[in-house]
């Protein structure tokens, strides 16, 4: 995430100088890791290697600048570090057996694929994927298009590896309708895909300070 977007995400209510000081401490402690947007690991989506890669330790002045201005390709982006991951898990109490990742493959776009058809990924535990495949909110799975892969171990996120997991790649028809309110299917998907808590203390001003 770009650093200038962190104000509403990490420490609500803090002014820029206080937030810069907080981020300085978190970068130095390893709770958060700092990179530039132009880093190949970021631009190529190779997030599974972030923990192995050299990261930046910017000054408070640099952090302040990047909190208030868009620096383009030189912008700082941040990811969670080992200490931050441990602290997050203690509070959020993630249920890793429920973890599920859903994304569209935007690189796959042959001429017959358009706004009403696409290629997608679902990642998680196989029983969850088999259920989730038919709960997708705006996508209709096309039977016979699915390809399964099994991983042991499985890097569920760039900072969390589980004993095993699965990935299904599939094609789906898409409902492109833009709606203001959630449909019943979208509400069901939101409930199905929820895998961690978002405690109220996360939302308190200066919780991470």
N, C-alpha and C. Protein backbone atom coordinates (compact mmCIF):
# COMPACT_ATOMS: atom_id res chain seq x y z
N UNK A 1 0.85 -1.19 0.00
CA UNK A 1 0.00 0.00 0.00
C UNK A 1 0.88 1.24 0.00
N UNK A 2 0.55 2.25 -0.81
CA UNK A 2 1.34 3.49 -0.79
C UNK A 2 1.30 4.14 0.58
N UNK A 3 2.41 4.75 0.96
CA UNK A 3 2.49 5.33 2.29
C UNK A 3 1.49 6.46 2.49
N UNK A 4 1.20 7.24 1.42
CA UNK A 4 0.29 8.35 1.58
C UNK A 4 -1.15 7.89 1.84
N UNK A 5 -1.43 6.58 1.67
CA UNK A 5 -2.77 6.05 1.93
C UNK A 5 -2.90 5.50 3.34
N UNK A 6 -1.84 5.58 4.13
CA UNK A 6 -1.83 4.92 5.42
C UNK A 6 -2.62 5.68 6.49
N UNK A 7 -2.86 6.97 6.29
CA UNK A 7 -3.47 7.78 7.33
C UNK A 7 -4.82 7.23 7.76
N UNK A 8 -5.63 6.79 6.81
CA UNK A 8 -6.94 6.27 7.17
C UNK A 8 -6.91 4.79 7.50
N UNK A 9 -5.77 4.16 7.35
CA UNK A 9 -5.69 2.71 7.50
C UNK A 9 -5.00 2.27 8.79
N UNK A 10 -3.96 2.98 9.19
CA UNK A 10 -3.13 2.50 10.29
C UNK A 10 -3.38 3.23 11.59
N UNK A 11 -3.46 4.53 11.55
CA UNK A 11 -3.49 5.30 12.81
C UNK A 11 -4.43 6.48 12.69
N UNK A 12 -5.71 6.19 12.71
CA UNK A 12 -6.71 7.24 12.59
C UNK A 12 -6.54 8.29 13.69
N UNK A 13 -6.65 9.56 13.30
CA UNK A 13 -6.65 10.62 14.30
C UNK A 13 -5.29 11.22 14.58
N UNK A 14 -4.20 10.59 14.13
CA UNK A 14 -2.87 11.14 14.37
C UNK A 14 -2.55 12.20 13.32
N UNK A 15 -1.87 13.26 13.74
CA UNK A 15 -1.42 14.23 12.74
C UNK A 15 -0.20 13.66 12.01
N UNK A 16 0.24 14.35 10.97
CA UNK A 16 1.29 13.82 10.12
C UNK A 16 2.58 13.59 10.90
N UNK A 17 2.96 14.52 11.75
CA UNK A 17 4.23 14.37 12.48
C UNK A 17 4.17 13.18 13.44
N UNK A 18 3.03 12.99 14.10
CA UNK A 18 2.90 11.86 15.03
C UNK A 18 2.88 10.54 14.27
N UNK A 19 2.20 10.52 13.13
CA UNK A 19 2.15 9.31 12.32
C UNK A 19 3.52 8.98 11.73
N UNK A 20 4.25 10.01 11.32
CA UNK A 20 5.60 9.78 10.79
C UNK A 20 6.51 9.19 11.86
N UNK A 21 6.39 9.67 13.08
CA UNK A 21 7.19 9.14 14.18
C UNK A 21 6.82 7.68 14.47
N UNK A 22 5.51 7.39 14.41
CA UNK A 22 5.05 6.02 14.63
C UNK A 22 5.59 5.08 13.54
N UNK A 23 5.49 5.50 12.28
CA UNK A 23 5.98 4.68 11.19
C UNK A 23 7.50 4.50 11.26
N UNK A 24 8.21 5.54 11.68
CA UNK A 24 9.66 5.45 11.85
C UNK A 24 10.00 4.34 12.83
N UNK A 25 9.28 4.31 13.96
CA UNK A 25 9.52 3.25 14.95
C UNK A 25 9.18 1.87 14.39
N UNK A 26 8.06 1.78 13.65
CA UNK A 26 7.63 0.47 13.15
C UNK A 26 8.55 -0.04 12.05
N UNK A 27 9.09 0.86 11.23
CA UNK A 27 10.06 0.44 10.21
C UNK A 27 11.34 -0.05 10.87
N UNK A 28 11.77 0.66 11.91
CA UNK A 28 13.02 0.29 12.57
C UNK A 28 12.89 -1.00 13.39
N UNK A 29 11.71 -1.26 13.92
CA UNK A 29 11.50 -2.46 14.74
C UNK A 29 11.23 -3.70 13.90
N UNK A 30 10.84 -3.50 12.64
CA UNK A 30 10.50 -4.64 11.79
C UNK A 30 9.02 -4.99 11.81
N UNK A 31 8.21 -4.18 12.48
CA UNK A 31 6.76 -4.42 12.45
C UNK A 31 6.23 -4.17 11.04
N UNK A 32 6.78 -3.16 10.38
CA UNK A 32 6.46 -2.88 8.98
C UNK A 32 7.75 -2.85 8.17
N UNK A 33 7.65 -3.18 6.89
CA UNK A 33 8.78 -3.12 5.97
C UNK A 33 8.49 -2.08 4.90
N UNK A 34 9.50 -1.32 4.53
CA UNK A 34 9.32 -0.23 3.57
C UNK A 34 10.09 -0.52 2.29
N UNK A 35 9.43 -0.30 1.16
CA UNK A 35 10.04 -0.47 -0.16
C UNK A 35 9.63 0.71 -1.03
N UNK A 36 10.22 0.80 -2.20
CA UNK A 36 9.75 1.79 -3.19
C UNK A 36 8.81 1.09 -4.16
N UNK A 37 7.87 1.87 -4.67
CA UNK A 37 6.89 1.32 -5.59
C UNK A 37 7.56 0.70 -6.81
N UNK A 38 8.69 1.28 -7.25
CA UNK A 38 9.38 0.78 -8.45
C UNK A 38 10.19 -0.48 -8.18
N UNK A 39 10.26 -0.95 -6.94
CA UNK A 39 10.98 -2.19 -6.63
C UNK A 39 10.38 -3.33 -7.46
N UNK A 40 11.21 -4.10 -8.18
CA UNK A 40 10.68 -5.19 -9.01
C UNK A 40 9.79 -6.16 -8.25
N UNK A 41 10.08 -6.37 -6.96
CA UNK A 41 9.24 -7.28 -6.18
C UNK A 41 7.82 -6.76 -6.06
N UNK A 42 7.68 -5.44 -6.04
CA UNK A 42 6.37 -4.81 -5.93
C UNK A 42 5.70 -4.74 -7.30
N UNK A 43 6.42 -4.23 -8.28
CA UNK A 43 5.83 -4.04 -9.60
C UNK A 43 5.48 -5.36 -10.27
N UNK A 44 6.23 -6.43 -9.94
CA UNK A 44 5.96 -7.73 -10.55
C UNK A 44 5.08 -8.62 -9.67
N UNK A 45 4.68 -8.10 -8.51
CA UNK A 45 3.80 -8.86 -7.64
C UNK A 45 4.47 -10.05 -6.97
N UNK A 46 5.79 -10.02 -6.80
CA UNK A 46 6.51 -11.14 -6.18
C UNK A 46 6.56 -10.96 -4.66
N UNK A 47 5.38 -10.80 -4.07
CA UNK A 47 5.32 -10.44 -2.65
C UNK A 47 5.83 -11.56 -1.73
N UNK A 48 5.81 -12.81 -2.23
CA UNK A 48 6.28 -13.91 -1.39
C UNK A 48 7.75 -13.79 -1.05
N UNK A 49 8.48 -12.91 -1.76
CA UNK A 49 9.92 -12.73 -1.49
C UNK A 49 10.23 -11.47 -0.69
N UNK A 50 9.19 -10.76 -0.26
CA UNK A 50 9.43 -9.49 0.43
C UNK A 50 10.25 -9.66 1.70
N UNK A 51 9.96 -10.71 2.47
CA UNK A 51 10.65 -10.87 3.75
C UNK A 51 12.13 -11.21 3.56
N UNK A 52 12.47 -11.73 2.38
CA UNK A 52 13.87 -12.10 2.12
C UNK A 52 14.66 -10.93 1.54
N UNK A 53 13.98 -9.85 1.18
CA UNK A 53 14.61 -8.79 0.39
C UNK A 53 15.03 -7.61 1.25
N UNK A 54 16.08 -6.90 0.84
CA UNK A 54 16.48 -5.69 1.56
C UNK A 54 15.35 -4.66 1.52
N UNK A 55 15.14 -4.00 2.64
CA UNK A 55 14.11 -2.97 2.69
C UNK A 55 14.70 -1.67 3.21
N UNK A 56 13.95 -0.61 3.04
CA UNK A 56 14.42 0.73 3.36
C UNK A 56 14.18 1.08 4.82
N UNK A 57 15.00 1.99 5.32
CA UNK A 57 14.74 2.60 6.63
C UNK A 57 14.77 4.11 6.42
N UNK A 58 13.66 4.68 5.94
CA UNK A 58 13.64 6.11 5.62
C UNK A 58 13.67 6.97 6.87
N UNK A 59 14.10 8.22 6.70
CA UNK A 59 14.13 9.18 7.81
C UNK A 59 12.70 9.65 8.10
N UNK A 60 12.51 10.25 9.26
CA UNK A 60 11.20 10.80 9.62
C UNK A 60 10.78 11.85 8.61
N UNK A 61 11.74 12.66 8.14
CA UNK A 61 11.43 13.71 7.15
C UNK A 61 10.95 13.09 5.84
N UNK A 62 11.60 12.03 5.41
CA UNK A 62 11.18 11.36 4.18
C UNK A 62 9.79 10.75 4.34
N UNK A 63 9.55 10.15 5.49
CA UNK A 63 8.24 9.55 5.75
C UNK A 63 7.15 10.62 5.71
N UNK A 64 7.40 11.76 6.34
CA UNK A 64 6.43 12.86 6.34
C UNK A 64 6.09 13.30 4.92
N UNK A 65 7.13 13.42 4.10
CA UNK A 65 6.92 13.84 2.72
C UNK A 65 6.06 12.83 1.96
N UNK A 66 6.33 11.55 2.18
CA UNK A 66 5.59 10.51 1.45
C UNK A 66 4.19 10.30 2.01
N UNK A 67 3.92 10.78 3.20
CA UNK A 67 2.56 10.72 3.75
C UNK A 67 1.64 11.76 3.13
N UNK A 68 2.22 12.84 2.66
CA UNK A 68 1.40 13.95 2.18
C UNK A 68 1.48 14.18 0.68
N UNK A 69 2.41 13.51 0.01
CA UNK A 69 2.59 13.73 -1.42
C UNK A 69 2.71 12.40 -2.16
N UNK A 70 2.26 12.40 -3.39
CA UNK A 70 2.40 11.23 -4.25
C UNK A 70 3.73 11.34 -4.99
N UNK A 71 4.64 10.42 -4.72
CA UNK A 71 5.97 10.45 -5.33
C UNK A 71 6.09 9.54 -6.55
N UNK A 72 4.98 9.12 -7.09
CA UNK A 72 5.00 8.31 -8.30
C UNK A 72 5.75 7.00 -8.11
N UNK A 73 6.64 6.66 -9.04
CA UNK A 73 7.38 5.40 -8.99
C UNK A 73 8.32 5.34 -7.80
N UNK A 74 8.69 6.50 -7.25
CA UNK A 74 9.59 6.52 -6.09
C UNK A 74 8.83 6.48 -4.77
N UNK A 75 7.51 6.37 -4.83
CA UNK A 75 6.71 6.38 -3.61
C UNK A 75 7.08 5.21 -2.71
N UNK A 76 7.03 5.45 -1.40
CA UNK A 76 7.22 4.37 -0.45
C UNK A 76 5.95 3.53 -0.37
N UNK A 77 6.11 2.22 -0.33
CA UNK A 77 5.00 1.31 -0.05
C UNK A 77 5.42 0.47 1.15
N UNK A 78 4.45 -0.05 1.86
CA UNK A 78 4.80 -0.80 3.05
C UNK A 78 4.10 -2.15 3.07
N UNK A 79 4.75 -3.09 3.76
CA UNK A 79 4.17 -4.40 3.98
C UNK A 79 4.37 -4.77 5.43
N UNK A 80 3.67 -5.77 5.88
CA UNK A 80 3.79 -6.18 7.29
C UNK A 80 5.07 -6.99 7.47
N UNK A 81 5.77 -6.73 8.56
CA UNK A 81 7.00 -7.45 8.87
C UNK A 81 6.74 -8.54 9.89
N UNK A 82 7.75 -9.33 10.24
CA UNK A 82 7.57 -10.45 11.17
C UNK A 82 6.97 -10.04 12.52
N UNK A 83 7.46 -8.94 13.11
CA UNK A 83 6.91 -8.52 14.40
C UNK A 83 5.49 -7.99 14.26
N UNK A 84 5.24 -7.27 13.16
CA UNK A 84 3.89 -6.77 12.93
C UNK A 84 2.91 -7.89 12.69
N UNK A 85 3.35 -8.93 11.97
CA UNK A 85 2.48 -10.09 11.72
C UNK A 85 2.10 -10.77 13.02
N UNK A 86 3.08 -10.93 13.91
CA UNK A 86 2.81 -11.57 15.20
C UNK A 86 1.80 -10.75 16.00
N UNK A 87 1.98 -9.45 16.02
CA UNK A 87 1.07 -8.59 16.78
C UNK A 87 -0.33 -8.60 16.17
N UNK A 88 -0.39 -8.57 14.82
CA UNK A 88 -1.69 -8.60 14.14
C UNK A 88 -2.44 -9.89 14.45
N UNK A 89 -1.73 -11.03 14.42
CA UNK A 89 -2.39 -12.30 14.69
C UNK A 89 -2.90 -12.38 16.12
N UNK A 90 -2.17 -11.80 17.05
CA UNK A 90 -2.60 -11.82 18.45
C UNK A 90 -3.93 -11.10 18.63
N UNK A 91 -4.15 -10.04 17.87
CA UNK A 91 -5.36 -9.24 18.02
C UNK A 91 -6.47 -9.70 17.09
N UNK A 92 -6.13 -9.97 15.83
CA UNK A 92 -7.16 -10.29 14.83
C UNK A 92 -7.65 -11.74 14.92
N UNK A 93 -6.85 -12.61 15.57
CA UNK A 93 -7.22 -14.02 15.74
C UNK A 93 -7.69 -14.65 14.41
N UNK A 94 -6.83 -14.65 13.40
CA UNK A 94 -7.24 -15.19 12.10
C UNK A 94 -7.55 -16.68 12.17
N UNK A 95 -8.53 -17.10 11.42
CA UNK A 95 -8.90 -18.51 11.30
C UNK A 95 -8.36 -18.97 9.95
N UNK A 96 -7.13 -19.48 9.97
CA UNK A 96 -6.45 -19.79 8.72
C UNK A 96 -7.13 -20.90 7.93
N UNK A 97 -7.90 -21.76 8.61
CA UNK A 97 -8.63 -22.79 7.87
C UNK A 97 -9.76 -22.19 7.04
N UNK A 98 -10.13 -20.92 7.32
CA UNK A 98 -11.16 -20.23 6.56
C UNK A 98 -10.57 -19.27 5.53
N UNK A 99 -9.27 -19.08 5.57
CA UNK A 99 -8.64 -18.11 4.67
C UNK A 99 -8.95 -18.46 3.22
N UNK A 100 -9.33 -17.44 2.46
CA UNK A 100 -9.61 -17.64 1.05
C UNK A 100 -9.21 -16.38 0.29
N UNK A 101 -8.60 -16.56 -0.87
CA UNK A 101 -8.17 -15.44 -1.70
C UNK A 101 -8.85 -15.57 -3.06
N UNK A 102 -9.46 -14.49 -3.52
CA UNK A 102 -10.17 -14.48 -4.78
C UNK A 102 -9.66 -13.32 -5.62
N UNK A 103 -9.21 -13.59 -6.83
CA UNK A 103 -8.70 -12.53 -7.68
C UNK A 103 -8.90 -12.87 -9.15
N UNK A 104 -8.88 -11.84 -9.95
CA UNK A 104 -9.03 -12.00 -11.40
C UNK A 104 -7.67 -11.95 -12.06
N UNK A 105 -7.48 -12.77 -13.09
CA UNK A 105 -6.25 -12.78 -13.86
C UNK A 105 -6.40 -11.76 -14.99
N UNK A 106 -5.92 -10.54 -14.76
CA UNK A 106 -6.07 -9.49 -15.75
C UNK A 106 -5.07 -9.62 -16.90
N UNK A 107 -4.06 -10.47 -16.74
CA UNK A 107 -3.09 -10.66 -17.82
C UNK A 107 -3.65 -11.58 -18.90
N UNK A 108 -4.67 -12.34 -18.51
CA UNK A 108 -5.27 -13.28 -19.48
C UNK A 108 -6.48 -12.62 -20.10
N UNK A 109 -6.34 -12.14 -21.33
CA UNK A 109 -7.43 -11.40 -21.95
C UNK A 109 -7.50 -11.65 -23.45
N UNK A 110 -7.77 -12.90 -23.85
CA UNK A 110 -7.92 -13.16 -25.28
C UNK A 110 -9.14 -12.42 -25.82
N UNK A 111 -9.25 -12.32 -27.12
CA UNK A 111 -10.29 -11.49 -27.72
C UNK A 111 -11.69 -11.92 -27.33
N UNK A 112 -11.88 -13.23 -27.06
CA UNK A 112 -13.23 -13.67 -26.72
C UNK A 112 -13.61 -13.35 -25.27
N UNK A 113 -12.63 -12.87 -24.48
CA UNK A 113 -12.92 -12.49 -23.11
C UNK A 113 -13.15 -10.98 -23.08
N UNK A 114 -14.16 -10.55 -22.37
CA UNK A 114 -14.52 -9.14 -22.34
C UNK A 114 -15.09 -8.79 -20.99
N UNK A 115 -15.90 -7.75 -20.93
CA UNK A 115 -16.44 -7.29 -19.65
C UNK A 115 -17.40 -8.28 -19.03
N UNK A 116 -17.87 -9.27 -19.79
CA UNK A 116 -18.83 -10.22 -19.24
C UNK A 116 -18.23 -11.62 -19.08
N UNK A 117 -16.93 -11.74 -19.24
CA UNK A 117 -16.28 -13.04 -19.07
C UNK A 117 -14.85 -12.82 -18.62
N UNK A 118 -14.32 -13.70 -17.77
CA UNK A 118 -12.96 -13.53 -17.30
C UNK A 118 -12.38 -14.81 -16.73
N UNK A 119 -11.10 -14.75 -16.41
CA UNK A 119 -10.39 -15.86 -15.79
C UNK A 119 -10.07 -15.47 -14.35
N UNK A 120 -10.26 -16.40 -13.39
CA UNK A 120 -10.14 -16.07 -11.98
C UNK A 120 -9.33 -17.13 -11.24
N UNK A 121 -8.88 -16.74 -10.02
CA UNK A 121 -8.21 -17.65 -9.10
C UNK A 121 -8.96 -17.67 -7.78
N UNK A 122 -9.04 -18.84 -7.18
CA UNK A 122 -9.47 -18.98 -5.79
C UNK A 122 -8.39 -19.79 -5.10
N UNK A 123 -7.94 -19.31 -3.93
CA UNK A 123 -6.89 -20.01 -3.20
C UNK A 123 -7.34 -20.22 -1.75
N UNK A 124 -7.06 -21.40 -1.21
CA UNK A 124 -7.43 -21.71 0.16
C UNK A 124 -7.44 -23.22 0.36
N UNK A 125 -8.22 -23.68 1.35
CA UNK A 125 -8.38 -25.11 1.58
C UNK A 125 -9.42 -25.66 0.61
N UNK A 126 -9.19 -26.84 0.07
CA UNK A 126 -10.00 -27.34 -1.05
C UNK A 126 -11.49 -27.36 -0.72
N UNK A 127 -11.86 -27.81 0.46
CA UNK A 127 -13.29 -27.87 0.78
C UNK A 127 -13.91 -26.48 0.76
N UNK A 128 -13.16 -25.48 1.19
CA UNK A 128 -13.65 -24.10 1.15
C UNK A 128 -13.80 -23.62 -0.30
N UNK A 129 -12.84 -23.97 -1.13
CA UNK A 129 -12.89 -23.54 -2.52
C UNK A 129 -14.05 -24.17 -3.26
N UNK A 130 -14.30 -25.46 -2.99
CA UNK A 130 -15.40 -26.14 -3.65
C UNK A 130 -16.74 -25.51 -3.29
N UNK A 131 -16.84 -25.04 -2.06
CA UNK A 131 -18.07 -24.36 -1.64
C UNK A 131 -18.12 -22.94 -2.20
N UNK A 132 -16.99 -22.23 -2.11
CA UNK A 132 -16.96 -20.84 -2.53
C UNK A 132 -17.17 -20.65 -4.02
N UNK A 133 -16.82 -21.67 -4.80
CA UNK A 133 -16.95 -21.59 -6.24
C UNK A 133 -18.37 -21.26 -6.69
N UNK A 134 -19.35 -21.68 -5.88
CA UNK A 134 -20.75 -21.47 -6.24
C UNK A 134 -21.41 -20.37 -5.39
N UNK A 135 -20.57 -19.63 -4.64
CA UNK A 135 -21.08 -18.51 -3.85
C UNK A 135 -20.56 -17.17 -4.34
N UNK A 136 -19.77 -17.19 -5.40
CA UNK A 136 -19.19 -15.95 -5.91
C UNK A 136 -20.30 -14.93 -6.19
N UNK A 137 -20.11 -13.68 -5.77
CA UNK A 137 -21.20 -12.70 -5.81
C UNK A 137 -21.63 -12.23 -7.19
N UNK A 138 -20.68 -12.04 -8.10
CA UNK A 138 -21.01 -11.48 -9.41
C UNK A 138 -20.43 -12.30 -10.57
N UNK A 139 -19.96 -13.50 -10.26
CA UNK A 139 -19.32 -14.34 -11.26
C UNK A 139 -20.01 -15.72 -11.27
N UNK A 140 -20.24 -16.25 -12.44
CA UNK A 140 -20.84 -17.57 -12.56
C UNK A 140 -19.82 -18.53 -13.13
N UNK A 141 -19.42 -19.48 -12.31
CA UNK A 141 -18.43 -20.49 -12.68
C UNK A 141 -18.86 -21.25 -13.93
N UNK A 142 -17.90 -21.44 -14.86
CA UNK A 142 -18.16 -22.19 -16.09
C UNK A 142 -17.61 -23.60 -15.91
N UNK A 143 -18.47 -24.59 -15.68
CA UNK A 143 -18.02 -25.97 -15.45
C UNK A 143 -17.12 -26.46 -16.57
N UNK A 144 -16.10 -27.22 -16.18
CA UNK A 144 -15.16 -27.77 -17.15
C UNK A 144 -13.96 -26.88 -17.40
N UNK A 145 -13.99 -25.66 -16.87
CA UNK A 145 -12.87 -24.73 -17.09
C UNK A 145 -11.86 -24.76 -15.95
N UNK A 146 -12.15 -25.52 -14.89
CA UNK A 146 -11.34 -25.46 -13.67
C UNK A 146 -10.07 -26.31 -13.78
N UNK A 147 -8.99 -25.75 -13.26
CA UNK A 147 -7.69 -26.44 -13.15
C UNK A 147 -7.24 -26.30 -11.70
N UNK A 148 -6.94 -27.44 -11.04
CA UNK A 148 -6.58 -27.44 -9.63
C UNK A 148 -5.08 -27.67 -9.45
N UNK A 149 -4.52 -27.00 -8.43
CA UNK A 149 -3.14 -27.24 -8.01
C UNK A 149 -3.12 -27.38 -6.50
N UNK A 150 -2.27 -28.31 -6.01
CA UNK A 150 -2.14 -28.53 -4.57
C UNK A 150 -0.71 -28.18 -4.16
N UNK A 151 -0.57 -27.47 -3.02
CA UNK A 151 0.75 -27.03 -2.56
C UNK A 151 1.02 -27.52 -1.14
N UNK A 152 2.24 -28.06 -0.92
CA UNK A 152 2.70 -28.47 0.40
C UNK A 152 4.18 -28.10 0.51
N UNK A 153 4.54 -27.13 1.31
CA UNK A 153 3.68 -26.19 2.07
C UNK A 153 3.06 -25.17 1.12
N UNK A 154 2.23 -24.31 1.69
CA UNK A 154 1.53 -23.31 0.88
C UNK A 154 1.74 -21.91 1.46
N UNK A 155 2.38 -21.00 0.70
CA UNK A 155 2.54 -19.61 1.16
C UNK A 155 1.22 -18.85 0.99
N UNK A 156 0.37 -18.90 1.99
CA UNK A 156 -0.94 -18.25 1.91
C UNK A 156 -0.80 -16.75 1.69
N UNK A 157 0.15 -16.13 2.39
CA UNK A 157 0.49 -14.73 2.19
C UNK A 157 2.01 -14.64 2.15
N UNK A 158 2.56 -13.46 1.86
CA UNK A 158 4.02 -13.35 1.82
C UNK A 158 4.64 -13.50 3.20
N UNK A 159 3.81 -13.43 4.26
CA UNK A 159 4.37 -13.55 5.61
C UNK A 159 3.81 -14.73 6.40
N UNK A 160 2.98 -15.55 5.77
CA UNK A 160 2.38 -16.69 6.47
C UNK A 160 2.36 -17.90 5.56
N UNK A 161 3.02 -18.98 6.00
CA UNK A 161 3.03 -20.23 5.25
C UNK A 161 2.26 -21.29 6.03
N UNK A 162 1.32 -21.96 5.36
CA UNK A 162 0.52 -23.02 5.96
C UNK A 162 1.00 -24.37 5.46
N UNK A 163 0.59 -25.44 6.15
CA UNK A 163 1.07 -26.77 5.79
C UNK A 163 0.69 -27.14 4.37
N UNK A 164 -0.52 -26.79 3.95
CA UNK A 164 -0.95 -27.10 2.60
C UNK A 164 -2.10 -26.21 2.18
N UNK A 165 -2.35 -26.17 0.89
CA UNK A 165 -3.43 -25.36 0.36
C UNK A 165 -3.62 -25.65 -1.11
N UNK A 166 -4.68 -25.12 -1.67
CA UNK A 166 -5.02 -25.39 -3.06
C UNK A 166 -5.29 -24.10 -3.80
N UNK A 167 -5.17 -24.18 -5.13
CA UNK A 167 -5.51 -23.07 -6.00
C UNK A 167 -6.33 -23.62 -7.16
N UNK A 168 -7.45 -23.00 -7.44
CA UNK A 168 -8.24 -23.37 -8.61
C UNK A 168 -8.28 -22.18 -9.56
N UNK A 169 -7.95 -22.44 -10.82
CA UNK A 169 -8.06 -21.43 -11.87
C UNK A 169 -9.28 -21.80 -12.72
N UNK A 170 -10.11 -20.81 -13.01
CA UNK A 170 -11.35 -21.12 -13.73
C UNK A 170 -11.83 -19.91 -14.52
N UNK A 171 -12.71 -20.16 -15.46
CA UNK A 171 -13.37 -19.11 -16.22
C UNK A 171 -14.77 -18.88 -15.64
N UNK A 172 -15.24 -17.64 -15.78
CA UNK A 172 -16.57 -17.32 -15.24
C UNK A 172 -17.21 -16.22 -16.06
N UNK A 173 -18.52 -16.29 -16.14
CA UNK A 173 -19.28 -15.20 -16.70
C UNK A 173 -19.47 -14.15 -15.62
N UNK A 174 -19.42 -12.88 -16.02
CA UNK A 174 -19.42 -11.77 -15.06
C UNK A 174 -20.68 -10.94 -15.21
N UNK A 175 -21.25 -10.56 -14.07
CA UNK A 175 -22.35 -9.59 -14.08
C UNK A 175 -21.72 -8.21 -13.90
N UNK A 176 -21.66 -7.37 -14.94
CA UNK A 176 -20.97 -6.08 -14.85
C UNK A 176 -21.81 -4.96 -14.24
N UNK A 177 -23.01 -5.29 -13.75
CA UNK A 177 -23.89 -4.26 -13.22
C UNK A 177 -23.27 -3.56 -12.03
N UNK A 178 -23.28 -2.24 -12.03
CA UNK A 178 -22.76 -1.46 -10.91
C UNK A 178 -23.92 -1.15 -9.96
N UNK A 179 -23.79 -1.55 -8.70
CA UNK A 179 -24.86 -1.36 -7.73
C UNK A 179 -24.37 -0.51 -6.57
N UNK A 180 -25.27 0.23 -5.96
CA UNK A 180 -24.93 1.05 -4.80
C UNK A 180 -24.96 0.21 -3.54
N UNK A 181 -25.96 -0.64 -3.40
CA UNK A 181 -26.11 -1.46 -2.21
C UNK A 181 -25.70 -2.90 -2.50
N UNK A 182 -25.27 -3.61 -1.45
CA UNK A 182 -24.88 -5.00 -1.60
C UNK A 182 -26.11 -5.86 -1.89
N UNK A 183 -25.93 -6.81 -2.81
CA UNK A 183 -26.99 -7.77 -3.07
C UNK A 183 -26.92 -8.87 -2.01
N UNK A 184 -27.95 -9.72 -1.95
CA UNK A 184 -27.95 -10.84 -1.01
C UNK A 184 -26.76 -11.75 -1.27
N UNK A 185 -26.42 -11.98 -2.55
CA UNK A 185 -25.29 -12.84 -2.88
C UNK A 185 -23.98 -12.21 -2.40
N UNK A 186 -23.85 -10.90 -2.52
CA UNK A 186 -22.65 -10.21 -2.05
C UNK A 186 -22.53 -10.27 -0.53
N UNK A 187 -23.66 -10.17 0.16
CA UNK A 187 -23.66 -10.28 1.62
C UNK A 187 -23.25 -11.69 2.04
N UNK A 188 -23.76 -12.70 1.33
CA UNK A 188 -23.40 -14.08 1.64
C UNK A 188 -21.92 -14.32 1.41
N UNK A 189 -21.39 -13.75 0.31
CA UNK A 189 -19.97 -13.92 0.02
C UNK A 189 -19.12 -13.25 1.10
N UNK A 190 -19.53 -12.06 1.52
CA UNK A 190 -18.78 -11.34 2.56
C UNK A 190 -18.72 -12.16 3.84
N UNK A 191 -19.84 -12.79 4.20
CA UNK A 191 -19.88 -13.62 5.41
C UNK A 191 -19.03 -14.88 5.22
N UNK A 192 -19.13 -15.48 4.04
CA UNK A 192 -18.38 -16.71 3.76
C UNK A 192 -16.88 -16.47 3.77
N UNK A 193 -16.44 -15.36 3.21
CA UNK A 193 -15.01 -15.10 3.05
C UNK A 193 -14.36 -14.44 4.26
N UNK A 194 -15.14 -14.15 5.31
CA UNK A 194 -14.57 -13.52 6.50
C UNK A 194 -13.74 -14.56 7.27
N UNK A 195 -12.48 -14.21 7.56
CA UNK A 195 -11.60 -15.19 8.20
C UNK A 195 -10.81 -14.61 9.38
N UNK A 196 -11.04 -13.35 9.72
CA UNK A 196 -10.40 -12.77 10.90
C UNK A 196 -11.30 -11.69 11.47
N UNK A 197 -11.02 -11.33 12.71
CA UNK A 197 -11.79 -10.28 13.38
C UNK A 197 -11.18 -8.92 13.07
N UNK A 198 -11.99 -7.89 13.20
CA UNK A 198 -11.49 -6.53 13.06
C UNK A 198 -11.87 -5.79 14.35
N UNK A 199 -11.11 -6.00 15.42
CA UNK A 199 -11.48 -5.45 16.72
C UNK A 199 -11.61 -3.93 16.71
N UNK A 200 -12.46 -3.44 17.54
CA UNK A 200 -12.68 -2.00 17.63
C UNK A 200 -11.40 -1.26 17.99
N UNK A 201 -10.51 -1.93 18.75
CA UNK A 201 -9.28 -1.23 19.14
C UNK A 201 -8.40 -0.91 17.94
N UNK A 202 -8.54 -1.68 16.85
CA UNK A 202 -7.80 -1.36 15.64
C UNK A 202 -8.16 0.03 15.13
N UNK A 203 -9.40 0.45 15.40
CA UNK A 203 -9.92 1.69 14.84
C UNK A 203 -9.63 2.89 15.75
N UNK A 204 -9.10 2.65 16.92
CA UNK A 204 -8.87 3.73 17.86
C UNK A 204 -7.65 4.55 17.45
N UNK A 205 -7.73 5.85 17.66
CA UNK A 205 -6.63 6.74 17.34
C UNK A 205 -5.37 6.31 18.07
N UNK A 206 -4.28 6.08 17.31
CA UNK A 206 -3.00 5.79 17.92
C UNK A 206 -2.88 4.40 18.49
N UNK A 207 -3.74 3.44 18.07
CA UNK A 207 -3.68 2.10 18.64
C UNK A 207 -2.28 1.49 18.52
N UNK A 208 -1.62 1.72 17.38
CA UNK A 208 -0.33 1.07 17.15
C UNK A 208 0.85 1.85 17.76
N UNK A 209 0.57 3.00 18.33
CA UNK A 209 1.69 3.79 18.85
C UNK A 209 2.16 3.29 20.22
